Structure formats: C-alpha cells, structure tokens
Amino acid sequence: MTTPAYASSNVTAGIGKESTYGTGVSPTYYLPWKTLDVMDIASIDNDAAWRGAPGDGWGFVPGATSSTLKLGDHVYPDLIGFPLAGLLGDVVAAGSGPTTWTMGVLNTGTQQPASYTLTTSDGVNSRRWAGMKFATLTLTSTPTGSLTWTADAVSLLSTTTTAPSVSYTTTKIQPGWIGAITIGGSLAPTVIDCTVKITRAVTPKRNNNGAQAPYLQRSGVCAVSGTMTLVMTTDTYRAQYVAGTTSSLKMNWAQGAGASATQIQINCSRIAWQQVTPVYSSAQYQEVRLDWQARYNTTDVGASGGTGPCLVTLKNAVTSGVY
C-alpha cells in the first residue's frame, strides 16, 4: 500500500477567543495563511552525573511542556483584529455596518489581553493549541504589494480534536498603496515602505503542582516600534533625531464606503526617532531610513484610560465579542 502524501495547501487554521485561559474553543474564523509554523515542545531533564566514565548522557525524565506558533499572511481587515486584540487587550466595538473597533493597551484589572485557541487540520489529524497568547505582530506595507502580517505566539501543548467545518472570510486584502502616512501632523507622500511592530513578551507561570504545562502565561510590557523608508526631500527628521525632539505618526489603510468600508489605522501620538540614516546607493533617488519607537502618552488610550503607546482603529463587519 502506498503511503499517502498530504499537500500543505490542504492544511487549515482556525482561531477562537477563549472565555477561560487554556480551555480550548472551536474556531469563529478561519485564517488564510502563507506562514504556519506550529511546534510542540517537550523539554528533557538530563541525568548528566558522573559515573566513573567519560560520559554525561545517562538518562532523562520529561520536563516542562509548551508550544510555539508563527502565523502570517496578507492583511484582511477582519482577521487582523485577533493579533491586535491579543497584544493590546483593551477592545471596544461600536456600531455596525461597519463595526468600528478601538484597541489600546489594557490598564485595568489584570491588564492581560485575551487568550485564543488555534485549531489546525491536516491529512493526519486535527489539533487544538489552547492558551495561545500573541507575543509579536509585524505589519509590512509596500506600494507594490498588499499589507502583510506575521505574528509569533505561544500556547499550551496541543491536543487532538475533531475537524470542524471550514469557511473563510470574503473580505478583500488591504493593498499597500492605499496607506496614508502622517508624520508630525502632515501627510508624508514620499514614504516608500514601512513596518510597525508590536511586541509583548509572554512569560509562563509554572508551579510544582504535578503539571508539566504552565498554569498561566502572562503578557508583559507592550512596546511599539517600526521603520520607514522615504525619498529624501527634507532634513527635518535628522534634525529632530539629533535634537531629541519627539513627533507623531499615523498609519492609515482604508478603502470602501458605507457598510463595505474597511480600515486599519495605527496612531502613535508620541514617537522618538531611534536612528535616521541617509541611503544613497540602493536606488536612483536619495532615500532616508527612519527607525522609531512609540512613547507612552495619555492620548493613545482606550476605555481603560491610563497611558499607552498606540491606539488602533479597525472597521470591518465583525460583531462585538469575537476578539
């Protein structure tokens, strides 16, 4: 009998928000994907004690368990809400047709964003990766392609499950060229490409309680940074960098109208330039690369108040409670 070979194109990945950390749920949305790396990690505690021989590999016992996940694809204005909400935590939905989502850093209660369950299905089996928490999200925009995203996450060890019914979003991807970048309150029409990265390290909480898995995984400090490449038409940014002057940054990708309107907007009211580098050799025109980092402020905040590094606005057809 010939052993079957299953195509990677058949693999599906669905996501759902958990009500209780680590209690797996069925998908509410399925994620089209270009990057899908999922790995269970079962550590080994080695017995390396000396035994009268020049060897240190005597035996082992199973150690702590966890899983790592990496996801990525084009940006769909409905699906991108999952990693954004999973990093920021303060999520408010308003209206319908479209729904307007406001997302900022959660500053009340546990200050913890939600956890999710990722369900993957292939030709061998279906698995649930419960307790998934996002650790990074990178958005990349170029004028010749679509807005794209990659994210890193961690979860509990996967378990087998029944393959659910699969259906996909019908929303269109967001092209990069529609992006409007505003720096210091003025539109910057010479931006060639840009990235924005939200990071939030996730630390497992483990006890001597008879379980190999962490009983909780806690999201830490939230940081927002990015890069931009512009056609060099001014020395303003270098002067601000040298003087230590902060600026503001708004990145907005919006298309459609009425009930079909979609939007992904990231507003950073206070950024500091980390490096401003002239680029003379990579293209016909002189360019400048800007590296920036958002600073916490009292403007970019959600319903929980306090301070935050950015405020995200989404418009899509997703109903309240999904993220």
C-alpha atoms as a PDB file:
ATOM      1  CA  MET A   1       0.000   0.000   0.000  1.00  0.00           C
ATOM      2  CA  THR A   2       1.347   3.407  -0.966  1.00  0.00           C
ATOM      3  CA  THR A   3       1.823   5.824   1.932  1.00  0.00           C
ATOM      4  CA  PRO A   4      -0.226   8.997   1.279  1.00  0.00           C
ATOM      5  CA  ALA A   5       1.500  12.352   0.840  1.00  0.00           C
ATOM      6  CA  TYR A   6      -0.603  15.274   2.015  1.00  0.00           C
ATOM      7  CA  ALA A   7      -0.231  18.697   0.396  1.00  0.00           C
ATOM      8  CA  SER A   8       0.447  21.655   2.700  1.00  0.00           C
ATOM      9  CA  SER A   9      -2.213  23.603   0.785  1.00  0.00           C
ATOM     10  CA  ASN A  10      -4.828  21.365   2.437  1.00  0.00           C
ATOM     11  CA  VAL A  11      -3.892  22.485   5.949  1.00  0.00           C
ATOM     12  CA  THR A  12      -6.452  24.741   7.639  1.00  0.00           C
ATOM     13  CA  ALA A  13      -6.086  27.015  10.663  1.00  0.00           C
ATOM     14  CA  GLY A  14      -8.970  28.446  12.680  1.00  0.00           C
ATOM     15  CA  ILE A  15      -8.994  30.767  15.684  1.00  0.00           C
ATOM     16  CA  GLY A  16     -11.404  31.420  18.541  1.00  0.00           C
ATOM     17  CA  LYS A  17     -11.341  33.575  21.669  1.00  0.00           C
ATOM     18  CA  GLU A  18     -11.233  31.714  24.979  1.00  0.00           C
ATOM     19  CA  SER A  19     -13.505  32.581  27.894  1.00  0.00           C
ATOM     20  CA  THR A  20     -11.092  30.895  30.316  1.00  0.00           C
ATOM     21  CA  TYR A  21      -7.359  30.682  29.742  1.00  0.00           C
ATOM     22  CA  GLY A  22      -6.347  27.277  28.419  1.00  0.00           C
ATOM     23  CA  THR A  23      -9.882  25.946  27.902  1.00  0.00           C
ATOM     24  CA  GLY A  24      -9.978  25.203  24.184  1.00  0.00           C
ATOM     25  CA  VAL A  25     -12.759  26.570  21.978  1.00  0.00           C
ATOM     26  CA  SER A  26     -13.887  25.995  18.398  1.00  0.00           C
ATOM     27  CA  PRO A  27     -12.860  28.471  15.676  1.00  0.00           C
ATOM     28  CA  THR A  28     -15.008  31.503  14.971  1.00  0.00           C
ATOM     29  CA  TYR A  29     -12.894  32.483  11.959  1.00  0.00           C
ATOM     30  CA  TYR A  30     -10.537  30.599   9.669  1.00  0.00           C
ATOM     31  CA  LEU A  31      -7.207  32.152   8.733  1.00  0.00           C
ATOM     32  CA  PRO A  32      -5.912  32.011   5.175  1.00  0.00           C
ATOM     33  CA  TRP A  33      -2.171  31.558   5.642  1.00  0.00           C
ATOM     34  CA  LYS A  34       1.211  31.788   3.983  1.00  0.00           C
ATOM     35  CA  THR A  35       3.180  31.132   7.173  1.00  0.00           C
ATOM     36  CA  LEU A  36       2.004  28.476   9.614  1.00  0.00           C
ATOM     37  CA  ASP A  37       4.680  27.008  11.874  1.00  0.00           C
ATOM     38  CA  VAL A  38       3.373  25.160  14.927  1.00  0.00           C
ATOM     39  CA  MET A  39       5.575  23.155  17.260  1.00  0.00           C
ATOM     40  CA  ASP A  40       5.021  21.284  20.500  1.00  0.00           C
ATOM     41  CA  ILE A  41       7.970  21.485  22.897  1.00  0.00           C
ATOM     42  CA  ALA A  42       8.541  18.748  25.470  1.00  0.00           C
ATOM     43  CA  SER A  43      11.751  19.572  27.285  1.00  0.00           C
ATOM     44  CA  ILE A  44      14.055  16.904  28.688  1.00  0.00           C
ATOM     45  CA  ASP A  45      15.853  16.997  32.042  1.00  0.00           C
ATOM     46  CA  ASN A  46      19.093  15.083  31.530  1.00  0.00           C
ATOM     47  CA  ASP A  47      20.869  12.948  34.089  1.00  0.00           C
ATOM     48  CA  ALA A  48      24.459  14.081  33.480  1.00  0.00           C
ATOM     49  CA  ALA A  49      26.021  12.978  36.795  1.00  0.00           C
ATOM     50  CA  TRP A  50      29.461  11.343  36.639  1.00  0.00           C
ATOM     51  CA  ARG A  51      29.531   7.565  36.942  1.00  0.00           C
ATOM     52  CA  GLY A  52      33.203   6.660  36.613  1.00  0.00           C
ATOM     53  CA  ALA A  53      33.193   7.059  32.833  1.00  0.00           C
ATOM     54  CA  PRO A  54      33.809   9.985  30.443  1.00  0.00           C
ATOM     55  CA  GLY A  55      30.143  10.321  29.585  1.00  0.00           C
ATOM     56  CA  ASP A  56      27.318  12.560  30.709  1.00  0.00           C
ATOM     57  CA  GLY A  57      24.308  11.100  28.879  1.00  0.00           C
ATOM     58  CA  TRP A  58      22.931   8.531  31.334  1.00  0.00           C
ATOM     59  CA  GLY A  59      19.231   9.103  31.264  1.00  0.00           C
ATOM     60  CA  PHE A  60      16.471  11.642  31.264  1.00  0.00           C
ATOM     61  CA  VAL A  61      12.993  12.449  32.515  1.00  0.00           C
ATOM     62  CA  PRO A  62      10.308  14.530  30.777  1.00  0.00           C
ATOM     63  CA  GLY A  63      10.351  18.223  31.679  1.00  0.00           C
ATOM     64  CA  ALA A  64       8.118  21.238  31.157  1.00  0.00           C
ATOM     65  CA  THR A  65       5.918  21.493  28.060  1.00  0.00           C
ATOM     66  CA  SER A  66       4.778  24.349  25.857  1.00  0.00           C
ATOM     67  CA  SER A  67       4.196  25.196  22.199  1.00  0.00           C
ATOM     68  CA  THR A  68       5.350  27.918  19.817  1.00  0.00           C
ATOM     69  CA  LEU A  69       3.417  29.200  16.831  1.00  0.00           C
ATOM     70  CA  LYS A  70       4.207  31.524  13.936  1.00  0.00           C
ATOM     71  CA  LEU A  71       1.466  32.837  11.648  1.00  0.00           C
ATOM     72  CA  GLY A  72       1.429  35.182   8.664  1.00  0.00           C
ATOM     73  CA  ASP A  73      -0.427  36.231   5.527  1.00  0.00           C
ATOM     74  CA  HIS A  74      -1.954  39.171   3.704  1.00  0.00           C
ATOM     75  CA  VAL A  75      -3.838  41.540   5.982  1.00  0.00           C
ATOM     76  CA  TYR A  76      -7.598  41.054   5.975  1.00  0.00           C
ATOM     77  CA  PRO A  77      -9.339  43.863   7.890  1.00  0.00           C
ATOM     78  CA  ASP A  78     -11.426  41.410   9.911  1.00  0.00           C
ATOM     79  CA  LEU A  79      -8.824  38.739  10.737  1.00  0.00           C
ATOM     80  CA  ILE A  80      -6.055  41.154  11.742  1.00  0.00           C
ATOM     81  CA  GLY A  81      -8.158  42.041  14.777  1.00  0.00           C
ATOM     82  CA  PHE A  82      -7.157  38.812  16.524  1.00  0.00           C
ATOM     83  CA  PRO A  83      -3.412  39.508  16.938  1.00  0.00           C
ATOM     84  CA  LEU A  84      -4.054  43.204  17.562  1.00  0.00           C
ATOM     85  CA  ALA A  85      -6.551  42.491  20.340  1.00  0.00           C
ATOM     86  CA  GLY A  86      -4.349  39.677  21.620  1.00  0.00           C
ATOM     87  CA  LEU A  87      -1.478  42.091  22.163  1.00  0.00           C
ATOM     88  CA  LEU A  88      -3.269  45.249  23.322  1.00  0.00           C
ATOM     89  CA  GLY A  89      -6.196  43.919  25.359  1.00  0.00           C
ATOM     90  CA  ASP A  90      -8.475  46.983  25.629  1.00  0.00           C
ATOM     91  CA  VAL A  91     -11.045  46.230  22.915  1.00  0.00           C
ATOM     92  CA  VAL A  92     -14.258  48.195  22.321  1.00  0.00           C
ATOM     93  CA  ALA A  93     -16.735  47.716  19.470  1.00  0.00           C
ATOM     94  CA  ALA A  94     -19.192  50.381  18.371  1.00  0.00           C
ATOM     95  CA  GLY A  95     -21.928  50.459  15.741  1.00  0.00           C
ATOM     96  CA  SER A  96     -22.458  48.146  12.811  1.00  0.00           C
ATOM     97  CA  GLY A  97     -22.241  48.276   9.035  1.00  0.00           C
ATOM     98  CA  PRO A  98     -19.303  48.583   9.585  1.00  0.00           C
ATOM     99  CA  THR A  99     -18.311  47.912  13.185  1.00  0.00           C
ATOM    100  CA  THR A 100     -15.698  50.352  14.474  1.00  0.00           C
ATOM    101  CA  TRP A 101     -13.172  48.816  16.844  1.00  0.00           C
ATOM    102  CA  THR A 102     -10.931  50.822  19.157  1.00  0.00           C
ATOM    103  CA  MET A 103      -7.979  48.978  20.659  1.00  0.00           C
ATOM    104  CA  GLY A 104      -5.428  50.201  23.178  1.00  0.00           C
ATOM    105  CA  VAL A 105      -3.324  48.805  25.995  1.00  0.00           C
ATOM    106  CA  LEU A 106      -5.491  47.446  28.823  1.00  0.00           C
ATOM    107  CA  ASN A 107      -4.738  49.358  32.021  1.00  0.00           C
ATOM    108  CA  THR A 108      -7.343  47.922  34.404  1.00  0.00           C
ATOM    109  CA  GLY A 109      -7.861  44.607  36.200  1.00  0.00           C
ATOM    110  CA  THR A 110      -5.226  42.033  35.334  1.00  0.00           C
ATOM    111  CA  GLN A 111      -4.003  44.191  32.421  1.00  0.00           C
ATOM    112  CA  GLN A 112      -3.986  40.973  30.404  1.00  0.00           C
ATOM    113  CA  PRO A 113      -5.198  40.587  26.801  1.00  0.00           C
ATOM    114  CA  ALA A 114      -7.334  37.586  25.880  1.00  0.00           C
ATOM    115  CA  SER A 115      -6.065  34.114  25.058  1.00  0.00           C
ATOM    116  CA  TYR A 116      -7.141  32.146  21.996  1.00  0.00           C
ATOM    117  CA  THR A 117      -7.326  28.614  20.655  1.00  0.00           C
ATOM    118  CA  LEU A 118      -5.754  27.817  17.290  1.00  0.00           C
ATOM    119  CA  THR A 119      -7.163  24.718  15.573  1.00  0.00           C
ATOM    120  CA  THR A 120      -5.163  23.142  12.770  1.00  0.00           C
ATOM    121  CA  SER A 121      -6.260  20.312  10.496  1.00  0.00           C
ATOM    122  CA  ASP A 122      -4.140  18.325   8.049  1.00  0.00           C
ATOM    123  CA  GLY A 123      -4.330  14.937   6.422  1.00  0.00           C
ATOM    124  CA  VAL A 124      -3.218  13.174   9.609  1.00  0.00           C
ATOM    125  CA  ASN A 125      -5.317  14.753  12.344  1.00  0.00           C
ATOM    126  CA  SER A 126      -6.779  17.930  13.835  1.00  0.00           C
ATOM    127  CA  ARG A 127      -5.158  19.622  16.815  1.00  0.00           C
ATOM    128  CA  ARG A 128      -6.090  22.339  19.283  1.00  0.00           C
ATOM    129  CA  TRP A 129      -3.443  24.728  20.540  1.00  0.00           C
ATOM    130  CA  ALA A 130      -5.232  26.167  23.581  1.00  0.00           C
ATOM    131  CA  GLY A 131      -3.973  29.016  25.762  1.00  0.00           C
ATOM    132  CA  MET A 132      -2.478  30.816  22.770  1.00  0.00           C
ATOM    133  CA  LYS A 133      -1.141  34.265  23.574  1.00  0.00           C
ATOM    134  CA  PHE A 134       0.370  36.598  20.998  1.00  0.00           C
ATOM    135  CA  ALA A 135       3.908  37.853  21.613  1.00  0.00           C
ATOM    136  CA  THR A 136       4.694  39.866  18.451  1.00  0.00           C
ATOM    137  CA  LEU A 137       2.916  41.306  15.442  1.00  0.00           C
ATOM    138  CA  THR A 138       4.693  42.892  12.470  1.00  0.00           C
ATOM    139  CA  LEU A 139       2.804  44.745   9.733  1.00  0.00           C
ATOM    140  CA  THR A 140       4.644  45.490   6.482  1.00  0.00           C
ATOM    141  CA  SER A 141       3.433  47.803   3.724  1.00  0.00           C
ATOM    142  CA  THR A 142       4.888  48.370   0.263  1.00  0.00           C
ATOM    143  CA  PRO A 143       3.346  50.222  -2.703  1.00  0.00           C
ATOM    144  CA  THR A 144       3.745  47.211  -4.994  1.00  0.00           C
ATOM    145  CA  GLY A 145       2.086  44.581  -2.809  1.00  0.00           C
ATOM    146  CA  SER A 146      -0.530  44.071  -0.147  1.00  0.00           C
ATOM    147  CA  LEU A 147      -0.247  44.927   3.514  1.00  0.00           C
ATOM    148  CA  THR A 148       1.100  41.772   5.192  1.00  0.00           C
ATOM    149  CA  TRP A 149       1.458  40.474   8.733  1.00  0.00           C
ATOM    150  CA  THR A 150       3.473  37.960  10.717  1.00  0.00           C
ATOM    151  CA  ALA A 151       2.948  37.057  14.359  1.00  0.00           C
ATOM    152  CA  ASP A 152       4.609  34.911  16.994  1.00  0.00           C
ATOM    153  CA  ALA A 153       2.621  33.261  19.756  1.00  0.00           C
ATOM    154  CA  VAL A 154       2.933  30.642  22.487  1.00  0.00           C
ATOM    155  CA  SER A 155       0.396  28.109  23.729  1.00  0.00           C
ATOM    156  CA  LEU A 156      -0.113  25.007  25.788  1.00  0.00           C
ATOM    157  CA  LEU A 157       0.805  21.631  24.339  1.00  0.00           C
ATOM    158  CA  SER A 158      -1.576  20.714  21.534  1.00  0.00           C
ATOM    159  CA  THR A 159      -4.325  18.113  21.876  1.00  0.00           C
ATOM    160  CA  THR A 160      -6.261  16.172  19.264  1.00  0.00           C
ATOM    161  CA  THR A 161      -9.775  17.272  18.362  1.00  0.00           C
ATOM    162  CA  THR A 162     -12.498  16.695  15.798  1.00  0.00           C
ATOM    163  CA  ALA A 163     -12.097  18.518  12.499  1.00  0.00           C
ATOM    164  CA  PRO A 164     -14.627  21.382  12.389  1.00  0.00           C
ATOM    165  CA  SER A 165     -16.417  22.718   9.309  1.00  0.00           C
ATOM    166  CA  VAL A 166     -14.287  25.286   7.489  1.00  0.00           C
ATOM    167  CA  SER A 167     -15.352  28.580   5.925  1.00  0.00           C
ATOM    168  CA  TYR A 168     -13.338  31.666   5.040  1.00  0.00           C
ATOM    169  CA  THR A 169     -13.802  35.419   5.091  1.00  0.00           C
ATOM    170  CA  THR A 170     -14.944  37.107   1.889  1.00  0.00           C
ATOM    171  CA  THR A 171     -13.310  40.453   2.689  1.00  0.00           C
ATOM    172  CA  LYS A 172     -10.589  41.688   0.390  1.00  0.00           C
ATOM    173  CA  ILE A 173      -6.953  42.096   1.353  1.00  0.00           C
ATOM    174  CA  GLN A 174      -5.706  45.636   2.015  1.00  0.00           C
ATOM    175  CA  PRO A 175      -3.321  46.873  -0.721  1.00  0.00           C
ATOM    176  CA  GLY A 176      -0.246  48.691   0.494  1.00  0.00           C
ATOM    177  CA  TRP A 177      -0.561  51.645  -1.868  1.00  0.00           C
ATOM    178  CA  ILE A 178      -3.714  52.935  -0.135  1.00  0.00           C
ATOM    179  CA  GLY A 179      -1.706  53.607   3.008  1.00  0.00           C
ATOM    180  CA  ALA A 180      -1.657  57.228   4.150  1.00  0.00           C
ATOM    181  CA  ILE A 181       1.268  58.014   6.463  1.00  0.00           C
ATOM    182  CA  THR A 182       1.122  61.199   8.532  1.00  0.00           C
ATOM    183  CA  ILE A 183       4.241  62.367  10.375  1.00  0.00           C
ATOM    184  CA  GLY A 184       4.068  65.299  12.768  1.00  0.00           C
ATOM    185  CA  GLY A 185       0.530  66.083  11.611  1.00  0.00           C
ATOM    186  CA  SER A 186       1.463  66.375   7.919  1.00  0.00           C
ATOM    187  CA  LEU A 187       0.901  63.814   5.175  1.00  0.00           C
ATOM    188  CA  ALA A 188       4.195  62.231   4.078  1.00  0.00           C
ATOM    189  CA  PRO A 189       3.623  61.380   0.393  1.00  0.00           C
ATOM    190  CA  THR A 190       7.172  60.119  -0.244  1.00  0.00           C
ATOM    191  CA  VAL A 191       7.004  57.044   2.010  1.00  0.00           C
ATOM    192  CA  ILE A 192       8.242  54.035   0.030  1.00  0.00           C
ATOM    193  CA  ASP A 193       7.720  51.289   2.582  1.00  0.00           C
ATOM    194  CA  CYS A 194       7.062  50.961   6.277  1.00  0.00           C
ATOM    195  CA  THR A 195       6.750  48.445   9.071  1.00  0.00           C
ATOM    196  CA  VAL A 196       5.228  48.588  12.529  1.00  0.00           C
ATOM    197  CA  LYS A 197       5.937  46.017  15.227  1.00  0.00           C
ATOM    198  CA  ILE A 198       4.039  45.416  18.452  1.00  0.00           C
ATOM    199  CA  THR A 199       5.859  43.214  20.954  1.00  0.00           C
ATOM    200  CA  ARG A 200       4.787  41.800  24.280  1.00  0.00           C
ATOM    201  CA  ALA A 201       6.885  39.061  25.842  1.00  0.00           C
ATOM    202  CA  VAL A 202       4.855  36.187  27.273  1.00  0.00           C
ATOM    203  CA  THR A 203       6.211  34.581  30.445  1.00  0.00           C
ATOM    204  CA  PRO A 204       4.965  31.143  31.541  1.00  0.00           C
ATOM    205  CA  LYS A 205       3.955  30.804  35.190  1.00  0.00           C
ATOM    206  CA  ARG A 206       4.891  27.343  36.454  1.00  0.00           C
ATOM    207  CA  ASN A 207       4.354  25.674  39.815  1.00  0.00           C
ATOM    208  CA  ASN A 208       5.377  22.442  41.484  1.00  0.00           C
ATOM    209  CA  ASN A 209       1.818  21.230  41.177  1.00  0.00           C
ATOM    210  CA  GLY A 210       2.090  17.956  39.293  1.00  0.00           C
ATOM    211  CA  ALA A 211       1.581  19.542  35.862  1.00  0.00           C
ATOM    212  CA  GLN A 212       4.147  19.870  33.076  1.00  0.00           C
ATOM    213  CA  ALA A 213       2.215  22.730  31.467  1.00  0.00           C
ATOM    214  CA  PRO A 214       2.242  26.301  32.797  1.00  0.00           C
ATOM    215  CA  TYR A 215      -0.914  27.123  34.741  1.00  0.00           C
ATOM    216  CA  LEU A 216      -0.861  30.599  33.199  1.00  0.00           C
ATOM    217  CA  GLN A 217       1.085  32.634  30.665  1.00  0.00           C
ATOM    218  CA  ARG A 218       1.347  36.337  31.378  1.00  0.00           C
ATOM    219  CA  SER A 219       1.829  39.129  28.829  1.00  0.00           C
ATOM    220  CA  GLY A 220       4.438  41.657  29.888  1.00  0.00           C
ATOM    221  CA  VAL A 221       5.455  45.126  28.702  1.00  0.00           C
ATOM    222  CA  CYS A 222       3.904  46.291  25.422  1.00  0.00           C
ATOM    223  CA  ALA A 223       6.246  48.114  23.043  1.00  0.00           C
ATOM    224  CA  VAL A 224       5.553  49.592  19.603  1.00  0.00           C
ATOM    225  CA  SER A 225       8.265  50.430  17.061  1.00  0.00           C
ATOM    226  CA  GLY A 226       8.882  50.466  13.337  1.00  0.00           C
ATOM    227  CA  THR A 227      10.786  51.647  10.299  1.00  0.00           C
ATOM    228  CA  MET A 228      10.089  53.749   7.220  1.00  0.00           C
ATOM    229  CA  THR A 229      11.960  54.461   4.017  1.00  0.00           C
ATOM    230  CA  LEU A 230      11.250  57.788   2.316  1.00  0.00           C
ATOM    231  CA  VAL A 231      12.508  59.642  -0.727  1.00  0.00           C
ATOM    232  CA  MET A 232      14.754  62.250   0.874  1.00  0.00           C
ATOM    233  CA  THR A 233      13.230  65.699   0.371  1.00  0.00           C
ATOM    234  CA  THR A 234      13.934  67.283   3.761  1.00  0.00           C
ATOM    235  CA  ASP A 235      16.427  67.195   6.623  1.00  0.00           C
ATOM    236  CA  THR A 236      13.687  67.658   9.220  1.00  0.00           C
ATOM    237  CA  TYR A 237      13.788  64.138  10.636  1.00  0.00           C
ATOM    238  CA  ARG A 238      17.555  64.079  11.123  1.00  0.00           C
ATOM    239  CA  ALA A 239      17.355  67.431  12.891  1.00  0.00           C
ATOM    240  CA  GLN A 240      14.624  66.098  15.188  1.00  0.00           C
ATOM    241  CA  TYR A 241      16.659  62.969  15.885  1.00  0.00           C
ATOM    242  CA  VAL A 242      19.804  64.923  16.811  1.00  0.00           C
ATOM    243  CA  ALA A 243      17.806  67.340  18.986  1.00  0.00           C
ATOM    244  CA  GLY A 244      15.867  64.553  20.705  1.00  0.00           C
ATOM    245  CA  THR A 245      12.562  66.012  19.524  1.00  0.00           C
ATOM    246  CA  THR A 246       9.524  63.730  19.566  1.00  0.00           C
ATOM    247  CA  SER A 247       6.976  63.638  16.771  1.00  0.00           C
ATOM    248  CA  SER A 248       3.692  61.872  15.988  1.00  0.00           C
ATOM    249  CA  LEU A 249       2.847  59.144  13.495  1.00  0.00           C
ATOM    250  CA  LYS A 250      -0.411  57.910  11.989  1.00  0.00           C
ATOM    251  CA  MET A 251      -0.592  54.981   9.563  1.00  0.00           C
ATOM    252  CA  ASN A 252      -3.959  54.502   7.881  1.00  0.00           C
ATOM    253  CA  TRP A 253      -5.094  51.911   5.340  1.00  0.00           C
ATOM    254  CA  ALA A 254      -8.750  52.487   4.434  1.00  0.00           C
ATOM    255  CA  GLN A 255     -10.912  51.521   1.477  1.00  0.00           C
ATOM    256  CA  GLY A 256     -14.559  51.125   0.531  1.00  0.00           C
ATOM    257  CA  ALA A 257     -17.585  53.104   1.654  1.00  0.00           C
ATOM    258  CA  GLY A 258     -20.708  52.627   3.724  1.00  0.00           C
ATOM    259  CA  ALA A 259     -21.277  49.143   5.095  1.00  0.00           C
ATOM    260  CA  SER A 260     -18.380  47.873   2.966  1.00  0.00           C
ATOM    261  CA  ALA A 261     -15.859  50.314   4.422  1.00  0.00           C
ATOM    262  CA  THR A 262     -12.747  48.763   5.969  1.00  0.00           C
ATOM    263  CA  GLN A 263      -9.911  50.432   7.844  1.00  0.00           C
ATOM    264  CA  ILE A 264      -6.735  49.632   9.729  1.00  0.00           C
ATOM    265  CA  GLN A 265      -5.309  52.685  11.463  1.00  0.00           C
ATOM    266  CA  ILE A 266      -2.476  52.861  13.982  1.00  0.00           C
ATOM    267  CA  ASN A 267      -1.971  56.166  15.754  1.00  0.00           C
ATOM    268  CA  CYS A 268       1.122  56.957  17.824  1.00  0.00           C
ATOM    269  CA  SER A 269       0.829  60.453  19.261  1.00  0.00           C
ATOM    270  CA  ARG A 270       4.388  60.463  20.566  1.00  0.00           C
ATOM    271  CA  ILE A 271       7.325  58.768  18.869  1.00  0.00           C
ATOM    272  CA  ALA A 272      11.073  59.153  19.254  1.00  0.00           C
ATOM    273  CA  TRP A 273      13.447  58.673  16.344  1.00  0.00           C
ATOM    274  CA  GLN A 274      15.927  55.901  17.156  1.00  0.00           C
ATOM    275  CA  GLN A 275      18.033  56.335  14.024  1.00  0.00           C
ATOM    276  CA  VAL A 276      17.820  58.486  10.887  1.00  0.00           C
ATOM    277  CA  THR A 277      20.035  57.080   8.136  1.00  0.00           C
ATOM    278  CA  PRO A 278      20.611  58.550   4.645  1.00  0.00           C
ATOM    279  CA  VAL A 279      20.563  55.883   1.923  1.00  0.00           C
ATOM    280  CA  TYR A 280      22.427  56.871  -1.242  1.00  0.00           C
ATOM    281  CA  SER A 281      23.166  53.631  -3.043  1.00  0.00           C
ATOM    282  CA  SER A 282      20.070  51.437  -3.128  1.00  0.00           C
ATOM    283  CA  ALA A 283      18.020  53.307  -5.742  1.00  0.00           C
ATOM    284  CA  GLN A 284      18.094  56.096  -8.278  1.00  0.00           C
ATOM    285  CA  TYR A 285      16.821  58.595  -5.741  1.00  0.00           C
ATOM    286  CA  GLN A 286      18.324  59.588  -2.425  1.00  0.00           C
ATOM    287  CA  GLU A 287      16.398  57.964   0.403  1.00  0.00           C
ATOM    288  CA  VAL A 288      16.296  58.154   4.182  1.00  0.00           C
ATOM    289  CA  ARG A 289      15.520  55.344   6.609  1.00  0.00           C
ATOM    290  CA  LEU A 290      13.689  56.252   9.798  1.00  0.00           C
ATOM    291  CA  ASP A 291      13.698  53.956  12.830  1.00  0.00           C
ATOM    292  CA  TRP A 292      11.216  54.946  15.531  1.00  0.00           C
ATOM    293  CA  GLN A 293       9.775  53.859  18.838  1.00  0.00           C
ATOM    294  CA  ALA A 294       6.444  54.888  20.329  1.00  0.00           C
ATOM    295  CA  ARG A 295       6.395  56.518  23.765  1.00  0.00           C
ATOM    296  CA  TYR A 296       3.610  56.056  26.271  1.00  0.00           C
ATOM    297  CA  ASN A 297       1.232  59.009  26.490  1.00  0.00           C
ATOM    298  CA  THR A 298      -2.255  59.886  27.759  1.00  0.00           C
ATOM    299  CA  THR A 299      -3.777  60.336  24.272  1.00  0.00           C
ATOM    300  CA  ASP A 300      -3.403  56.848  22.802  1.00  0.00           C
ATOM    301  CA  VAL A 301      -5.632  55.121  25.329  1.00  0.00           C
ATOM    302  CA  GLY A 302      -8.782  53.043  25.173  1.00  0.00           C
ATOM    303  CA  ALA A 303     -11.720  52.743  27.544  1.00  0.00           C
ATOM    304  CA  SER A 304      -9.447  51.646  30.418  1.00  0.00           C
ATOM    305  CA  GLY A 305      -7.659  55.004  30.401  1.00  0.00           C
ATOM    306  CA  GLY A 306      -4.166  55.377  31.786  1.00  0.00           C
ATOM    307  CA  THR A 307      -1.390  55.601  29.210  1.00  0.00           C
ATOM    308  CA  GLY A 308      -0.462  53.740  26.058  1.00  0.00           C
ATOM    309  CA  PRO A 309       1.951  53.689  23.096  1.00  0.00           C
ATOM    310  CA  CYS A 310      -0.638  53.462  20.316  1.00  0.00           C
ATOM    311  CA  LEU A 311      -4.347  53.449  19.567  1.00  0.00           C
ATOM    312  CA  VAL A 312      -5.674  51.172  16.823  1.00  0.00           C
ATOM    313  CA  THR A 313      -8.891  51.720  14.873  1.00  0.00           C
ATOM    314  CA  LEU A 314     -10.423  48.914  12.815  1.00  0.00           C
ATOM    315  CA  LYS A 315     -13.505  48.978  10.626  1.00  0.00           C
ATOM    316  CA  ASN A 316     -14.993  45.682   9.449  1.00  0.00           C
ATOM    317  CA  ALA A 317     -18.099  43.519   9.633  1.00  0.00           C
ATOM    318  CA  VAL A 318     -17.043  41.525  12.724  1.00  0.00           C
ATOM    319  CA  THR A 319     -19.572  41.503  15.566  1.00  0.00           C
ATOM    320  CA  SER A 320     -18.837  42.515  19.143  1.00  0.00           C
ATOM    321  CA  GLY A 321     -17.172  39.935  21.392  1.00  0.00           C
ATOM    322  CA  VAL A 322     -15.322  37.980  18.700  1.00  0.00           C
ATOM    323  CA  TYR A 323     -11.881  39.391  19.546  1.00  0.00           C
END
